């Protein structure tokens, strides 16, 4: 479970195929992301001190089995192994690229540990009832939880609990303080006036061929009798739709084709257009009537965009502050890859 929006996909190894357990772990990540900013219904007494709020840490750990220390507190290598298994797949890259991917994952893991340590500061904890409620909400049954990992149901529930704690720390330490003012929304609307207007939509038929001379002959025939468009498309087009009418939004159309197609009149046939090494002829079936966008809905979308951007920036600053106040040492000798991450010394 990652600490930053967008970092999960960056860390995944290309070409991996999720196992059932990893697929369930991915579902948990998505579910936690959807819960951002929401408070838990029930909360147990908060643990006191950083050590109590960092489940991955363990006292008396053999120094040779420690992946890193945070403020002198050991983090077992086994905890990182589990994190790596949940967030990567079959290795399809080698060398420096693989080192970079695993280094990023270790950095993300350590940032998550920093957030777990901050739970005591914000008096954050997660009860068994909350874990049960969350698993029910995302549709994970007892049997699926039992089979989700090789270490059993309790280890899986502990992983869920840690993810919920991390989200609560984000809520308390960052998201609850992010504000979007009406002025910011109005400024954004002025800079993006198109958001207040729905994209133009048209219904088109197309003929696609890979021979310019054939395209020219078809266009000449249609200039005489546009009603034959669908029949000629069925006979000649290599496009899967075979001349069937389809609706397109303006943003669906390649930029260079937008004006020629959006300016057609109903029933009109376009000139031969070239795109992606193919030759295209279109016919406009109809234009979809535009209605003014709901201004409240537009402002809601803008507010969410601004909130997302400000939240990511605030979270980056929050994690950076945690890093500054915590001495972080990575035990590179235990790692089966060349660590090139943020904490390399």
C-alpha atoms as a PDB file:
ATOM      1  CA  UNK A   1       0.000   0.000   0.000  1.00  0.00           C
ATOM      2  CA  UNK A   2       1.642   3.153  -1.170  1.00  0.00           C
ATOM      3  CA  UNK A   3       2.031   6.471   0.516  1.00  0.00           C
ATOM      4  CA  UNK A   4       1.807   8.649  -2.565  1.00  0.00           C
ATOM      5  CA  UNK A   5      -0.744   8.994  -5.293  1.00  0.00           C
ATOM      6  CA  UNK A   6       0.593   7.642  -8.548  1.00  0.00           C
ATOM      7  CA  UNK A   7       3.608   5.874  -7.079  1.00  0.00           C
ATOM      8  CA  UNK A   8       2.099   2.402  -7.224  1.00  0.00           C
ATOM      9  CA  UNK A   9       2.011   2.129 -10.999  1.00  0.00           C
ATOM     10  CA  UNK A  10       5.513   3.573 -11.182  1.00  0.00           C
ATOM     11  CA  UNK A  11       6.786   0.832  -8.937  1.00  0.00           C
ATOM     12  CA  UNK A  12       5.160  -2.105 -10.687  1.00  0.00           C
ATOM     13  CA  UNK A  13       7.358  -4.273 -12.854  1.00  0.00           C
ATOM     14  CA  UNK A  14       6.389  -4.308 -16.504  1.00  0.00           C
ATOM     15  CA  UNK A  15       4.846  -7.500 -17.755  1.00  0.00           C
ATOM     16  CA  UNK A  16       3.830  -8.831 -14.344  1.00  0.00           C
ATOM     17  CA  UNK A  17       0.705 -10.952 -13.992  1.00  0.00           C
ATOM     18  CA  UNK A  18      -0.993 -10.601 -10.589  1.00  0.00           C
ATOM     19  CA  UNK A  19      -1.506 -13.747  -8.566  1.00  0.00           C
ATOM     20  CA  UNK A  20      -4.866 -14.062  -6.745  1.00  0.00           C
ATOM     21  CA  UNK A  21      -3.207 -12.848  -3.546  1.00  0.00           C
ATOM     22  CA  UNK A  22      -1.616  -9.868  -5.312  1.00  0.00           C
ATOM     23  CA  UNK A  23      -4.883  -9.075  -7.063  1.00  0.00           C
ATOM     24  CA  UNK A  24      -6.570  -8.933  -3.664  1.00  0.00           C
ATOM     25  CA  UNK A  25      -3.778  -6.725  -2.349  1.00  0.00           C
ATOM     26  CA  UNK A  26      -4.314  -4.396  -5.324  1.00  0.00           C
ATOM     27  CA  UNK A  27      -8.036  -4.286  -4.479  1.00  0.00           C
ATOM     28  CA  UNK A  28      -7.132  -3.216  -0.957  1.00  0.00           C
ATOM     29  CA  UNK A  29      -4.921  -0.428  -2.293  1.00  0.00           C
ATOM     30  CA  UNK A  30      -7.696   0.841  -4.554  1.00  0.00           C
ATOM     31  CA  UNK A  31     -10.208   0.635  -1.739  1.00  0.00           C
ATOM     32  CA  UNK A  32      -7.987   2.615   0.601  1.00  0.00           C
ATOM     33  CA  UNK A  33      -7.479   5.266  -2.062  1.00  0.00           C
ATOM     34  CA  UNK A  34     -11.256   5.576  -2.402  1.00  0.00           C
ATOM     35  CA  UNK A  35     -11.548   6.051   1.347  1.00  0.00           C
ATOM     36  CA  UNK A  36      -9.196   9.057   1.372  1.00  0.00           C
ATOM     37  CA  UNK A  37     -10.418  11.767   3.673  1.00  0.00           C
ATOM     38  CA  UNK A  38     -13.093   9.622   5.322  1.00  0.00           C
ATOM     39  CA  UNK A  39     -13.037   9.125   9.077  1.00  0.00           C
ATOM     40  CA  UNK A  40     -13.474   5.679  10.610  1.00  0.00           C
ATOM     41  CA  UNK A  41     -16.713   4.988  12.448  1.00  0.00           C
ATOM     42  CA  UNK A  42     -15.017   3.384  15.422  1.00  0.00           C
ATOM     43  CA  UNK A  43     -11.569   3.921  16.847  1.00  0.00           C
ATOM     44  CA  UNK A  44      -9.714   2.027  19.534  1.00  0.00           C
ATOM     45  CA  UNK A  45      -7.518   3.699  22.131  1.00  0.00           C
ATOM     46  CA  UNK A  46      -4.462   5.118  20.399  1.00  0.00           C
ATOM     47  CA  UNK A  47      -1.090   3.528  21.099  1.00  0.00           C
ATOM     48  CA  UNK A  48       1.435   5.716  22.822  1.00  0.00           C
ATOM     49  CA  UNK A  49       4.859   6.416  21.364  1.00  0.00           C
ATOM     50  CA  UNK A  50       6.307   5.827  17.931  1.00  0.00           C
ATOM     51  CA  UNK A  51       7.297   2.229  18.543  1.00  0.00           C
ATOM     52  CA  UNK A  52       3.749   1.165  19.337  1.00  0.00           C
ATOM     53  CA  UNK A  53       2.468   2.614  16.075  1.00  0.00           C
ATOM     54  CA  UNK A  54       5.023   0.993  13.754  1.00  0.00           C
ATOM     55  CA  UNK A  55       3.876  -2.627  13.321  1.00  0.00           C
ATOM     56  CA  UNK A  56       6.750  -3.557  11.007  1.00  0.00           C
ATOM     57  CA  UNK A  57       9.326  -2.731  13.657  1.00  0.00           C
ATOM     58  CA  UNK A  58      10.352  -5.323  16.182  1.00  0.00           C
ATOM     59  CA  UNK A  59      12.541  -5.204  19.246  1.00  0.00           C
ATOM     60  CA  UNK A  60      15.484  -7.559  19.542  1.00  0.00           C
ATOM     61  CA  UNK A  61      15.769  -8.109  15.790  1.00  0.00           C
ATOM     62  CA  UNK A  62      19.049  -9.636  14.626  1.00  0.00           C
ATOM     63  CA  UNK A  63      20.945  -6.686  13.051  1.00  0.00           C
ATOM     64  CA  UNK A  64      21.776  -8.927  10.119  1.00  0.00           C
ATOM     65  CA  UNK A  65      18.054  -9.298   9.362  1.00  0.00           C
ATOM     66  CA  UNK A  66      17.233  -5.573   9.439  1.00  0.00           C
ATOM     67  CA  UNK A  67      16.502  -3.790   6.161  1.00  0.00           C
ATOM     68  CA  UNK A  68      16.707  -0.303   7.671  1.00  0.00           C
ATOM     69  CA  UNK A  69      16.498   1.699  10.870  1.00  0.00           C
ATOM     70  CA  UNK A  70      14.187   4.666  11.383  1.00  0.00           C
ATOM     71  CA  UNK A  71      15.375   6.849  14.227  1.00  0.00           C
ATOM     72  CA  UNK A  72      17.356   3.866  15.497  1.00  0.00           C
ATOM     73  CA  UNK A  73      14.324   1.567  15.385  1.00  0.00           C
ATOM     74  CA  UNK A  74      14.949  -1.630  13.357  1.00  0.00           C
ATOM     75  CA  UNK A  75      12.677  -2.594  10.468  1.00  0.00           C
ATOM     76  CA  UNK A  76      12.838  -6.343   9.716  1.00  0.00           C
ATOM     77  CA  UNK A  77      13.843  -7.343   6.220  1.00  0.00           C
ATOM     78  CA  UNK A  78      10.954  -9.816   6.201  1.00  0.00           C
ATOM     79  CA  UNK A  79       8.467  -6.922   6.363  1.00  0.00           C
ATOM     80  CA  UNK A  80       9.989  -5.419   3.225  1.00  0.00           C
ATOM     81  CA  UNK A  81       9.913  -8.831   1.527  1.00  0.00           C
ATOM     82  CA  UNK A  82       6.148  -8.971   2.071  1.00  0.00           C
ATOM     83  CA  UNK A  83       5.753  -5.428   0.746  1.00  0.00           C
ATOM     84  CA  UNK A  84       7.832  -6.269  -2.314  1.00  0.00           C
ATOM     85  CA  UNK A  85       5.714  -9.359  -3.003  1.00  0.00           C
ATOM     86  CA  UNK A  86       2.514  -7.303  -2.780  1.00  0.00           C
ATOM     87  CA  UNK A  87       3.717  -4.519  -5.055  1.00  0.00           C
ATOM     88  CA  UNK A  88       5.702  -6.238  -7.790  1.00  0.00           C
ATOM     89  CA  UNK A  89       5.299  -9.252 -10.025  1.00  0.00           C
ATOM     90  CA  UNK A  90       7.336 -11.593 -12.145  1.00  0.00           C
ATOM     91  CA  UNK A  91      10.672  -9.992 -12.933  1.00  0.00           C
ATOM     92  CA  UNK A  92      10.853  -9.142 -16.629  1.00  0.00           C
ATOM     93  CA  UNK A  93      13.620  -6.551 -16.369  1.00  0.00           C
ATOM     94  CA  UNK A  94      17.235  -6.886 -15.336  1.00  0.00           C
ATOM     95  CA  UNK A  95      20.224  -4.904 -14.191  1.00  0.00           C
ATOM     96  CA  UNK A  96      19.950  -1.193 -13.524  1.00  0.00           C
ATOM     97  CA  UNK A  97      16.238  -1.004 -14.367  1.00  0.00           C
ATOM     98  CA  UNK A  98      15.403  -3.740 -11.864  1.00  0.00           C
ATOM     99  CA  UNK A  99      17.603  -2.047  -9.245  1.00  0.00           C
ATOM    100  CA  UNK A 100      15.790   1.256  -9.798  1.00  0.00           C
ATOM    101  CA  UNK A 101      12.340  -0.348  -9.502  1.00  0.00           C
ATOM    102  CA  UNK A 102      13.149  -2.197  -6.277  1.00  0.00           C
ATOM    103  CA  UNK A 103      14.888   0.864  -4.855  1.00  0.00           C
ATOM    104  CA  UNK A 104      11.737   2.927  -5.451  1.00  0.00           C
ATOM    105  CA  UNK A 105       9.666   0.248  -3.741  1.00  0.00           C
ATOM    106  CA  UNK A 106      11.988   0.263  -0.728  1.00  0.00           C
ATOM    107  CA  UNK A 107      11.706   4.065  -0.528  1.00  0.00           C
ATOM    108  CA  UNK A 108       7.904   3.796  -0.652  1.00  0.00           C
ATOM    109  CA  UNK A 109       7.974   1.110   2.043  1.00  0.00           C
ATOM    110  CA  UNK A 110      10.102   3.302   4.314  1.00  0.00           C
ATOM    111  CA  UNK A 111       7.819   6.287   3.754  1.00  0.00           C
ATOM    112  CA  UNK A 112       4.873   4.119   4.766  1.00  0.00           C
ATOM    113  CA  UNK A 113       6.769   3.159   7.913  1.00  0.00           C
ATOM    114  CA  UNK A 114       7.316   6.858   8.650  1.00  0.00           C
ATOM    115  CA  UNK A 115       3.573   7.435   8.381  1.00  0.00           C
ATOM    116  CA  UNK A 116       2.888   4.478  10.683  1.00  0.00           C
ATOM    117  CA  UNK A 117       5.295   5.945  13.237  1.00  0.00           C
ATOM    118  CA  UNK A 118       3.379   9.228  13.072  1.00  0.00           C
ATOM    119  CA  UNK A 119       0.176   7.488  14.223  1.00  0.00           C
ATOM    120  CA  UNK A 120       1.021   8.080  17.882  1.00  0.00           C
ATOM    121  CA  UNK A 121       1.415  11.801  17.262  1.00  0.00           C
ATOM    122  CA  UNK A 122      -2.118  12.028  15.870  1.00  0.00           C
ATOM    123  CA  UNK A 123      -3.592   9.506  18.337  1.00  0.00           C
ATOM    124  CA  UNK A 124      -4.600   7.261  15.457  1.00  0.00           C
ATOM    125  CA  UNK A 125      -5.507   3.589  15.760  1.00  0.00           C
ATOM    126  CA  UNK A 126      -7.759   1.125  13.961  1.00  0.00           C
ATOM    127  CA  UNK A 127     -10.118  -1.265  15.726  1.00  0.00           C
ATOM    128  CA  UNK A 128     -11.005  -4.827  14.743  1.00  0.00           C
ATOM    129  CA  UNK A 129     -14.502  -3.567  13.949  1.00  0.00           C
ATOM    130  CA  UNK A 130     -13.073  -1.111  11.443  1.00  0.00           C
ATOM    131  CA  UNK A 131     -11.018  -3.849   9.779  1.00  0.00           C
ATOM    132  CA  UNK A 132     -14.141  -6.039   9.546  1.00  0.00           C
ATOM    133  CA  UNK A 133     -16.170  -3.164   8.130  1.00  0.00           C
ATOM    134  CA  UNK A 134     -13.542  -2.283   5.555  1.00  0.00           C
ATOM    135  CA  UNK A 135     -13.179  -5.870   4.319  1.00  0.00           C
ATOM    136  CA  UNK A 136     -16.957  -6.124   4.038  1.00  0.00           C
ATOM    137  CA  UNK A 137     -17.120  -2.828   2.161  1.00  0.00           C
ATOM    138  CA  UNK A 138     -14.678  -3.980  -0.528  1.00  0.00           C
ATOM    139  CA  UNK A 139     -16.260  -7.427  -0.727  1.00  0.00           C
ATOM    140  CA  UNK A 140     -13.493  -9.580   0.775  1.00  0.00           C
ATOM    141  CA  UNK A 141     -14.886 -12.693   2.446  1.00  0.00           C
ATOM    142  CA  UNK A 142     -13.370 -14.609   5.371  1.00  0.00           C
ATOM    143  CA  UNK A 143     -12.221 -17.319   2.981  1.00  0.00           C
ATOM    144  CA  UNK A 144     -10.535 -14.842   0.663  1.00  0.00           C
ATOM    145  CA  UNK A 145      -8.794 -13.205   3.601  1.00  0.00           C
ATOM    146  CA  UNK A 146      -7.614 -16.647   4.756  1.00  0.00           C
ATOM    147  CA  UNK A 147      -6.189 -17.437   1.317  1.00  0.00           C
ATOM    148  CA  UNK A 148      -4.777 -13.982   0.622  1.00  0.00           C
ATOM    149  CA  UNK A 149      -1.265 -14.725   1.752  1.00  0.00           C
ATOM    150  CA  UNK A 150       0.994 -17.508   2.859  1.00  0.00           C
ATOM    151  CA  UNK A 151       1.069 -16.216   6.423  1.00  0.00           C
ATOM    152  CA  UNK A 152      -2.613 -16.621   7.174  1.00  0.00           C
ATOM    153  CA  UNK A 153      -5.632 -14.471   7.868  1.00  0.00           C
ATOM    154  CA  UNK A 154      -4.236 -12.569  10.847  1.00  0.00           C
ATOM    155  CA  UNK A 155      -1.195 -11.406   8.890  1.00  0.00           C
ATOM    156  CA  UNK A 156      -3.523 -10.281   6.126  1.00  0.00           C
ATOM    157  CA  UNK A 157      -5.748  -8.411   8.581  1.00  0.00           C
ATOM    158  CA  UNK A 158      -2.674  -6.771  10.081  1.00  0.00           C
ATOM    159  CA  UNK A 159      -1.698  -5.573   6.613  1.00  0.00           C
ATOM    160  CA  UNK A 160      -5.181  -4.098   6.168  1.00  0.00           C
ATOM    161  CA  UNK A 161      -4.967  -2.474   9.604  1.00  0.00           C
ATOM    162  CA  UNK A 162      -1.660  -0.827   8.738  1.00  0.00           C
ATOM    163  CA  UNK A 163      -3.105   0.473   5.484  1.00  0.00           C
ATOM    164  CA  UNK A 164      -6.052   2.001   7.344  1.00  0.00           C
ATOM    165  CA  UNK A 165      -3.711   3.577   9.896  1.00  0.00           C
ATOM    166  CA  UNK A 166      -1.649   5.125   7.094  1.00  0.00           C
ATOM    167  CA  UNK A 167      -4.812   6.549   5.538  1.00  0.00           C
ATOM    168  CA  UNK A 168      -5.939   7.985   8.871  1.00  0.00           C
ATOM    169  CA  UNK A 169      -2.546   9.619   9.387  1.00  0.00           C
ATOM    170  CA  UNK A 170      -2.888  11.194   5.951  1.00  0.00           C
ATOM    171  CA  UNK A 171      -6.378  12.377   6.869  1.00  0.00           C
ATOM    172  CA  UNK A 172      -5.324  13.874  10.199  1.00  0.00           C
ATOM    173  CA  UNK A 173      -1.917  15.195   9.201  1.00  0.00           C
ATOM    174  CA  UNK A 174      -2.602  16.377   5.665  1.00  0.00           C
ATOM    175  CA  UNK A 175      -6.020  16.044   4.054  1.00  0.00           C
ATOM    176  CA  UNK A 176      -8.018  17.601   6.886  1.00  0.00           C
ATOM    177  CA  UNK A 177      -5.955  20.774   6.463  1.00  0.00           C
ATOM    178  CA  UNK A 178      -6.296  21.098   2.689  1.00  0.00           C
ATOM    179  CA  UNK A 179      -8.772  23.813   1.764  1.00  0.00           C
ATOM    180  CA  UNK A 180     -10.113  24.893  -1.631  1.00  0.00           C
ATOM    181  CA  UNK A 181     -11.546  28.406  -1.672  1.00  0.00           C
ATOM    182  CA  UNK A 182     -14.345  29.696  -3.933  1.00  0.00           C
ATOM    183  CA  UNK A 183     -11.813  32.137  -5.372  1.00  0.00           C
ATOM    184  CA  UNK A 184      -9.535  29.295  -6.465  1.00  0.00           C
ATOM    185  CA  UNK A 185     -12.458  27.593  -8.192  1.00  0.00           C
ATOM    186  CA  UNK A 186     -13.456  30.791 -10.004  1.00  0.00           C
ATOM    187  CA  UNK A 187      -9.858  31.422 -11.107  1.00  0.00           C
ATOM    188  CA  UNK A 188      -9.579  27.875 -12.454  1.00  0.00           C
ATOM    189  CA  UNK A 189     -12.875  28.263 -14.303  1.00  0.00           C
ATOM    190  CA  UNK A 190     -11.606  31.444 -15.958  1.00  0.00           C
ATOM    191  CA  UNK A 191      -8.450  29.636 -17.052  1.00  0.00           C
ATOM    192  CA  UNK A 192     -10.430  26.620 -18.312  1.00  0.00           C
ATOM    193  CA  UNK A 193     -13.601  28.135 -19.799  1.00  0.00           C
ATOM    194  CA  UNK A 194     -14.154  25.057 -21.953  1.00  0.00           C
ATOM    195  CA  UNK A 195     -15.054  23.102 -18.819  1.00  0.00           C
ATOM    196  CA  UNK A 196     -18.315  25.045 -18.658  1.00  0.00           C
ATOM    197  CA  UNK A 197     -19.228  23.847 -22.143  1.00  0.00           C
ATOM    198  CA  UNK A 198     -19.700  20.199 -23.072  1.00  0.00           C
ATOM    199  CA  UNK A 199     -17.517  18.814 -25.842  1.00  0.00           C
ATOM    200  CA  UNK A 200     -19.089  18.807 -29.287  1.00  0.00           C
ATOM    201  CA  UNK A 201     -20.401  15.406 -30.343  1.00  0.00           C
ATOM    202  CA  UNK A 202     -21.146  14.025 -33.785  1.00  0.00           C
ATOM    203  CA  UNK A 203     -22.418  10.753 -35.216  1.00  0.00           C
ATOM    204  CA  UNK A 204     -20.266   9.605 -38.141  1.00  0.00           C
ATOM    205  CA  UNK A 205     -19.835   6.760 -40.578  1.00  0.00           C
ATOM    206  CA  UNK A 206     -16.383   6.043 -41.938  1.00  0.00           C
ATOM    207  CA  UNK A 207     -14.674   4.210 -44.745  1.00  0.00           C
ATOM    208  CA  UNK A 208     -11.045   3.301 -44.105  1.00  0.00           C
ATOM    209  CA  UNK A 209      -8.768   1.952 -46.821  1.00  0.00           C
ATOM    210  CA  UNK A 210      -5.011   1.716 -47.268  1.00  0.00           C
ATOM    211  CA  UNK A 211      -4.985   2.685 -50.959  1.00  0.00           C
ATOM    212  CA  UNK A 212      -5.214   6.361 -51.923  1.00  0.00           C
ATOM    213  CA  UNK A 213      -6.556   5.722 -55.421  1.00  0.00           C
ATOM    214  CA  UNK A 214      -9.353   3.524 -54.043  1.00  0.00           C
ATOM    215  CA  UNK A 215     -10.238   6.216 -51.504  1.00  0.00           C
ATOM    216  CA  UNK A 216     -10.428   8.799 -54.287  1.00  0.00           C
ATOM    217  CA  UNK A 217     -12.720   6.584 -56.391  1.00  0.00           C
ATOM    218  CA  UNK A 218     -15.033   5.934 -53.451  1.00  0.00           C
ATOM    219  CA  UNK A 219     -15.167   9.646 -52.624  1.00  0.00           C
ATOM    220  CA  UNK A 220     -16.049  10.474 -56.252  1.00  0.00           C
ATOM    221  CA  UNK A 221     -18.835   7.879 -56.246  1.00  0.00           C
ATOM    222  CA  UNK A 222     -20.251   9.228 -52.980  1.00  0.00           C
ATOM    223  CA  UNK A 223     -20.194  12.782 -54.297  1.00  0.00           C
ATOM    224  CA  UNK A 224     -22.752  11.607 -56.853  1.00  0.00           C
ATOM    225  CA  UNK A 225     -24.825   9.456 -54.464  1.00  0.00           C
ATOM    226  CA  UNK A 226     -24.119   9.926 -50.706  1.00  0.00           C
ATOM    227  CA  UNK A 227     -26.885   7.440 -49.858  1.00  0.00           C
ATOM    228  CA  UNK A 228     -24.569   4.585 -50.909  1.00  0.00           C
ATOM    229  CA  UNK A 229     -22.087   5.334 -48.103  1.00  0.00           C
ATOM    230  CA  UNK A 230     -23.018   2.417 -45.832  1.00  0.00           C
ATOM    231  CA  UNK A 231     -23.099  -0.081 -48.708  1.00  0.00           C
ATOM    232  CA  UNK A 232     -19.700   1.017 -50.026  1.00  0.00           C
ATOM    233  CA  UNK A 233     -18.272   0.895 -46.499  1.00  0.00           C
ATOM    234  CA  UNK A 234     -19.431  -2.709 -46.049  1.00  0.00           C
ATOM    235  CA  UNK A 235     -17.774  -3.662 -49.337  1.00  0.00           C
ATOM    236  CA  UNK A 236     -14.502  -1.750 -49.023  1.00  0.00           C
ATOM    237  CA  UNK A 237     -13.715  -0.488 -45.520  1.00  0.00           C
ATOM    238  CA  UNK A 238     -11.063  -2.239 -43.455  1.00  0.00           C
ATOM    239  CA  UNK A 239     -12.340  -0.572 -40.261  1.00  0.00           C
ATOM    240  CA  UNK A 240     -14.075  -2.976 -37.840  1.00  0.00           C
ATOM    241  CA  UNK A 241     -17.283  -0.907 -37.801  1.00  0.00           C
ATOM    242  CA  UNK A 242     -17.840  -1.471 -41.560  1.00  0.00           C
ATOM    243  CA  UNK A 243     -19.653   1.828 -41.956  1.00  0.00           C
ATOM    244  CA  UNK A 244     -21.872   1.540 -38.891  1.00  0.00           C
ATOM    245  CA  UNK A 245     -22.749   4.917 -37.376  1.00  0.00           C
ATOM    246  CA  UNK A 246     -20.813   5.783 -34.220  1.00  0.00           C
ATOM    247  CA  UNK A 247     -20.885   8.735 -31.851  1.00  0.00           C
ATOM    248  CA  UNK A 248     -17.660  10.667 -31.285  1.00  0.00           C
ATOM    249  CA  UNK A 249     -16.843  13.420 -28.818  1.00  0.00           C
ATOM    250  CA  UNK A 250     -14.518  16.131 -30.015  1.00  0.00           C
ATOM    251  CA  UNK A 251     -11.704  14.802 -27.832  1.00  0.00           C
ATOM    252  CA  UNK A 252     -12.139  11.322 -29.369  1.00  0.00           C
ATOM    253  CA  UNK A 253     -11.149  12.627 -32.790  1.00  0.00           C
ATOM    254  CA  UNK A 254      -7.511  13.075 -33.834  1.00  0.00           C
ATOM    255  CA  UNK A 255      -6.623  16.766 -33.640  1.00  0.00           C
ATOM    256  CA  UNK A 256      -5.992  17.113 -37.374  1.00  0.00           C
ATOM    257  CA  UNK A 257      -9.407  15.614 -38.206  1.00  0.00           C
ATOM    258  CA  UNK A 258     -11.545  17.639 -35.803  1.00  0.00           C
ATOM    259  CA  UNK A 259     -12.288  20.744 -37.833  1.00  0.00           C
ATOM    260  CA  UNK A 260     -12.911  18.949 -41.165  1.00  0.00           C
ATOM    261  CA  UNK A 261     -15.363  16.584 -39.471  1.00  0.00           C
ATOM    262  CA  UNK A 262     -17.048  18.941 -37.009  1.00  0.00           C
ATOM    263  CA  UNK A 263     -17.781  21.394 -39.832  1.00  0.00           C
ATOM    264  CA  UNK A 264     -19.626  18.835 -41.971  1.00  0.00           C
ATOM    265  CA  UNK A 265     -23.355  19.241 -42.491  1.00  0.00           C
ATOM    266  CA  UNK A 266     -25.826  16.403 -41.990  1.00  0.00           C
ATOM    267  CA  UNK A 267     -25.460  13.859 -44.805  1.00  0.00           C
ATOM    268  CA  UNK A 268     -22.344  15.538 -46.180  1.00  0.00           C
ATOM    269  CA  UNK A 269     -19.325  13.412 -47.156  1.00  0.00           C
ATOM    270  CA  UNK A 270     -15.822  14.570 -46.273  1.00  0.00           C
ATOM    271  CA  UNK A 271     -12.857  14.831 -48.571  1.00  0.00           C
ATOM    272  CA  UNK A 272     -10.324  11.995 -48.419  1.00  0.00           C
ATOM    273  CA  UNK A 273      -8.398  12.443 -45.169  1.00  0.00           C
ATOM    274  CA  UNK A 274      -5.113  10.789 -44.311  1.00  0.00           C
ATOM    275  CA  UNK A 275      -4.376   9.562 -40.803  1.00  0.00           C
ATOM    276  CA  UNK A 276      -2.005   6.928 -39.401  1.00  0.00           C
ATOM    277  CA  UNK A 277      -1.056   5.678 -42.882  1.00  0.00           C
ATOM    278  CA  UNK A 278      -4.701   5.083 -43.786  1.00  0.00           C
ATOM    279  CA  UNK A 279      -7.111   6.975 -46.037  1.00  0.00           C
ATOM    280  CA  UNK A 280     -10.478   7.907 -44.589  1.00  0.00           C
ATOM    281  CA  UNK A 281     -13.796   9.169 -45.895  1.00  0.00           C
ATOM    282  CA  UNK A 282     -16.491  10.199 -43.410  1.00  0.00           C
ATOM    283  CA  UNK A 283     -20.161  10.989 -43.589  1.00  0.00           C
ATOM    284  CA  UNK A 284     -21.909  13.064 -40.951  1.00  0.00           C
ATOM    285  CA  UNK A 285     -25.094  11.327 -39.807  1.00  0.00           C
ATOM    286  CA  UNK A 286     -26.076  14.012 -37.305  1.00  0.00           C
ATOM    287  CA  UNK A 287     -24.761  16.472 -34.768  1.00  0.00           C
ATOM    288  CA  UNK A 288     -25.666  15.902 -31.132  1.00  0.00           C
ATOM    289  CA  UNK A 289     -27.454  18.855 -29.607  1.00  0.00           C
ATOM    290  CA  UNK A 290     -25.304  20.596 -27.025  1.00  0.00           C
ATOM    291  CA  UNK A 291     -26.686  21.566 -23.669  1.00  0.00           C
ATOM    292  CA  UNK A 292     -25.067  23.912 -21.208  1.00  0.00           C
ATOM    293  CA  UNK A 293     -23.144  22.080 -18.539  1.00  0.00           C
ATOM    294  CA  UNK A 294     -24.475  22.169 -14.986  1.00  0.00           C
ATOM    295  CA  UNK A 295     -22.371  24.923 -13.406  1.00  0.00           C
ATOM    296  CA  UNK A 296     -22.519  23.363  -9.944  1.00  0.00           C
ATOM    297  CA  UNK A 297     -21.239  20.068 -11.357  1.00  0.00           C
ATOM    298  CA  UNK A 298     -18.465  21.871 -13.242  1.00  0.00           C
ATOM    299  CA  UNK A 299     -17.384  23.639 -10.056  1.00  0.00           C
ATOM    300  CA  UNK A 300     -17.484  20.354  -8.146  1.00  0.00           C
ATOM    301  CA  UNK A 301     -15.137  18.755 -10.697  1.00  0.00           C
ATOM    302  CA  UNK A 302     -12.797  21.745 -10.559  1.00  0.00           C
ATOM    303  CA  UNK A 303     -12.799  21.640  -6.774  1.00  0.00           C
ATOM    304  CA  UNK A 304     -11.853  17.947  -6.847  1.00  0.00           C
ATOM    305  CA  UNK A 305      -9.015  18.648  -9.292  1.00  0.00           C
ATOM    306  CA  UNK A 306      -7.623  21.431  -7.118  1.00  0.00           C
ATOM    307  CA  UNK A 307      -8.051  19.359  -3.954  1.00  0.00           C
ATOM    308  CA  UNK A 308      -6.192  16.438  -5.550  1.00  0.00           C
ATOM    309  CA  UNK A 309      -3.286  18.634  -6.628  1.00  0.00           C
ATOM    310  CA  UNK A 310      -3.008  20.425  -3.287  1.00  0.00           C
ATOM    311  CA  UNK A 311      -3.312  17.141  -1.373  1.00  0.00           C
ATOM    312  CA  UNK A 312      -0.451  15.555  -3.312  1.00  0.00           C
ATOM    313  CA  UNK A 313       1.730  18.608  -2.734  1.00  0.00           C
ATOM    314  CA  UNK A 314       0.852  18.728   0.969  1.00  0.00           C
ATOM    315  CA  UNK A 315       1.530  15.008   1.387  1.00  0.00           C
ATOM    316  CA  UNK A 316       4.929  15.366  -0.272  1.00  0.00           C
ATOM    317  CA  UNK A 317       5.792  18.182   2.155  1.00  0.00           C
ATOM    318  CA  UNK A 318       4.499  16.180   5.121  1.00  0.00           C
ATOM    319  CA  UNK A 319       6.590  13.124   4.238  1.00  0.00           C
ATOM    320  CA  UNK A 320       9.616  15.356   3.556  1.00  0.00           C
ATOM    321  CA  UNK A 321       9.269  16.815   7.066  1.00  0.00           C
ATOM    322  CA  UNK A 322       9.062  13.317   8.573  1.00  0.00           C
ATOM    323  CA  UNK A 323      12.216  12.373   6.689  1.00  0.00           C
ATOM    324  CA  UNK A 324      14.065  15.447   7.948  1.00  0.00           C
ATOM    325  CA  UNK A 325      13.281  14.716  11.584  1.00  0.00           C
ATOM    326  CA  UNK A 326      14.098  10.991  11.365  1.00  0.00           C
ATOM    327  CA  UNK A 327      17.510   9.447  10.805  1.00  0.00           C
ATOM    328  CA  UNK A 328      17.022   6.772   8.141  1.00  0.00           C
ATOM    329  CA  UNK A 329      19.700   4.187   7.455  1.00  0.00           C
ATOM    330  CA  UNK A 330      19.319   1.451   4.836  1.00  0.00           C
ATOM    331  CA  UNK A 331      21.197  -1.804   5.378  1.00  0.00           C
ATOM    332  CA  UNK A 332      22.410  -2.218   1.804  1.00  0.00           C
ATOM    333  CA  UNK A 333      24.381  -5.370   2.619  1.00  0.00           C
ATOM    334  CA  UNK A 334      21.203  -7.408   3.125  1.00  0.00           C
ATOM    335  CA  UNK A 335      19.556  -6.333  -0.128  1.00  0.00           C
ATOM    336  CA  UNK A 336      19.632  -8.705  -3.143  1.00  0.00           C
ATOM    337  CA  UNK A 337      19.837  -5.704  -5.481  1.00  0.00           C
ATOM    338  CA  UNK A 338      21.941  -2.572  -5.837  1.00  0.00           C
ATOM    339  CA  UNK A 339      20.083   0.077  -3.853  1.00  0.00           C
ATOM    340  CA  UNK A 340      20.083   3.455  -5.636  1.00  0.00           C
ATOM    341  CA  UNK A 341      17.203   5.116  -3.799  1.00  0.00           C
ATOM    342  CA  UNK A 342      16.737   8.300  -1.808  1.00  0.00           C
ATOM    343  CA  UNK A 343      18.514   6.978   1.282  1.00  0.00           C
ATOM    344  CA  UNK A 344      21.691   5.706  -0.370  1.00  0.00           C
ATOM    345  CA  UNK A 345      24.762   6.975   1.461  1.00  0.00           C
END
